[in-house]
């Protein structure tokens, strides 16, 4: 029997690229670029999300 892989949901805000490096435009003394590491605030740097729990609404 074939095994079914679990489907991990990719974060819709970052498309799975949870951490990016942004260049600041300046350079260090050795010539390398100064970068900032930014993580996705929606998935907190994991790249995937958990299924949304069913929410019961009532009056």
C-alpha atoms as a PDB file:
ATOM      1  CA  UNK A   1       0.000   0.000   0.000  1.00  0.00           C
ATOM      2  CA  UNK A   2       1.260   3.478  -0.745  1.00  0.00           C
ATOM      3  CA  UNK A   3       2.055   5.737   2.165  1.00  0.00           C
ATOM      4  CA  UNK A   4       0.450   9.148   2.193  1.00  0.00           C
ATOM      5  CA  UNK A   5       2.578  12.091   3.273  1.00  0.00           C
ATOM      6  CA  UNK A   6       1.100  14.646   5.601  1.00  0.00           C
ATOM      7  CA  UNK A   7       0.462  17.964   3.922  1.00  0.00           C
ATOM      8  CA  UNK A   8       2.095  20.851   5.743  1.00  0.00           C
ATOM      9  CA  UNK A   9       0.355  24.129   5.107  1.00  0.00           C
ATOM     10  CA  UNK A  10       2.658  26.817   3.772  1.00  0.00           C
ATOM     11  CA  UNK A  11       2.310  30.235   5.354  1.00  0.00           C
ATOM     12  CA  UNK A  12       0.253  32.445   3.048  1.00  0.00           C
ATOM     13  CA  UNK A  13       2.056  35.604   4.149  1.00  0.00           C
ATOM     14  CA  UNK A  14       5.624  34.523   3.356  1.00  0.00           C
ATOM     15  CA  UNK A  15       5.032  31.566   0.945  1.00  0.00           C
ATOM     16  CA  UNK A  16       7.359  29.375   3.001  1.00  0.00           C
ATOM     17  CA  UNK A  17      10.305  31.807   2.941  1.00  0.00           C
ATOM     18  CA  UNK A  18      10.095  32.570   6.638  1.00  0.00           C
ATOM     19  CA  UNK A  19      13.435  34.345   7.104  1.00  0.00           C
ATOM     20  CA  UNK A  20      14.980  36.802   4.659  1.00  0.00           C
ATOM     21  CA  UNK A  21      18.179  38.847   4.626  1.00  0.00           C
ATOM     22  CA  UNK A  22      17.804  42.468   3.544  1.00  0.00           C
ATOM     23  CA  UNK A  23      20.856  44.488   2.589  1.00  0.00           C
ATOM     24  CA  UNK A  24      21.123  47.831   4.329  1.00  0.00           C
ATOM     25  CA  UNK A  25      23.181  49.408   1.544  1.00  0.00           C
ATOM     26  CA  UNK A  26      26.258  49.911   3.726  1.00  0.00           C
ATOM     27  CA  UNK A  27      29.413  47.831   3.925  1.00  0.00           C
ATOM     28  CA  UNK A  28      31.557  46.602   6.799  1.00  0.00           C
ATOM     29  CA  UNK A  29      35.263  47.442   7.067  1.00  0.00           C
ATOM     30  CA  UNK A  30      36.169  44.130   5.369  1.00  0.00           C
ATOM     31  CA  UNK A  31      33.950  44.926   2.359  1.00  0.00           C
ATOM     32  CA  UNK A  32      31.036  42.622   3.123  1.00  0.00           C
ATOM     33  CA  UNK A  33      27.506  44.004   3.063  1.00  0.00           C
ATOM     34  CA  UNK A  34      25.578  44.818   6.213  1.00  0.00           C
ATOM     35  CA  UNK A  35      22.352  42.774   6.277  1.00  0.00           C
ATOM     36  CA  UNK A  36      19.269  42.587   8.472  1.00  0.00           C
ATOM     37  CA  UNK A  37      17.560  39.244   9.157  1.00  0.00           C
ATOM     38  CA  UNK A  38      13.766  39.533   9.236  1.00  0.00           C
ATOM     39  CA  UNK A  39      11.364  36.726  10.157  1.00  0.00           C
ATOM     40  CA  UNK A  40       7.713  36.438   9.158  1.00  0.00           C
ATOM     41  CA  UNK A  41       5.485  37.693  11.987  1.00  0.00           C
ATOM     42  CA  UNK A  42       2.560  35.466  10.952  1.00  0.00           C
ATOM     43  CA  UNK A  43       4.326  32.089  11.215  1.00  0.00           C
ATOM     44  CA  UNK A  44       7.114  33.297  13.544  1.00  0.00           C
ATOM     45  CA  UNK A  45       9.855  32.009  11.262  1.00  0.00           C
ATOM     46  CA  UNK A  46       8.636  28.436  10.758  1.00  0.00           C
ATOM     47  CA  UNK A  47       7.374  28.771   7.173  1.00  0.00           C
ATOM     48  CA  UNK A  48       4.144  26.863   7.753  1.00  0.00           C
ATOM     49  CA  UNK A  49       0.928  27.354   9.632  1.00  0.00           C
ATOM     50  CA  UNK A  50      -1.314  25.088  11.657  1.00  0.00           C
ATOM     51  CA  UNK A  51      -4.868  24.407  10.468  1.00  0.00           C
ATOM     52  CA  UNK A  52      -7.361  26.896  11.780  1.00  0.00           C
ATOM     53  CA  UNK A  53      -9.574  25.396  14.448  1.00  0.00           C
ATOM     54  CA  UNK A  54     -13.241  25.486  13.782  1.00  0.00           C
ATOM     55  CA  UNK A  55     -14.759  28.414  15.581  1.00  0.00           C
ATOM     56  CA  UNK A  56     -18.300  28.064  16.870  1.00  0.00           C
ATOM     57  CA  UNK A  57     -20.335  31.196  16.578  1.00  0.00           C
ATOM     58  CA  UNK A  58     -23.597  31.713  18.368  1.00  0.00           C
ATOM     59  CA  UNK A  59     -25.993  34.336  19.470  1.00  0.00           C
END
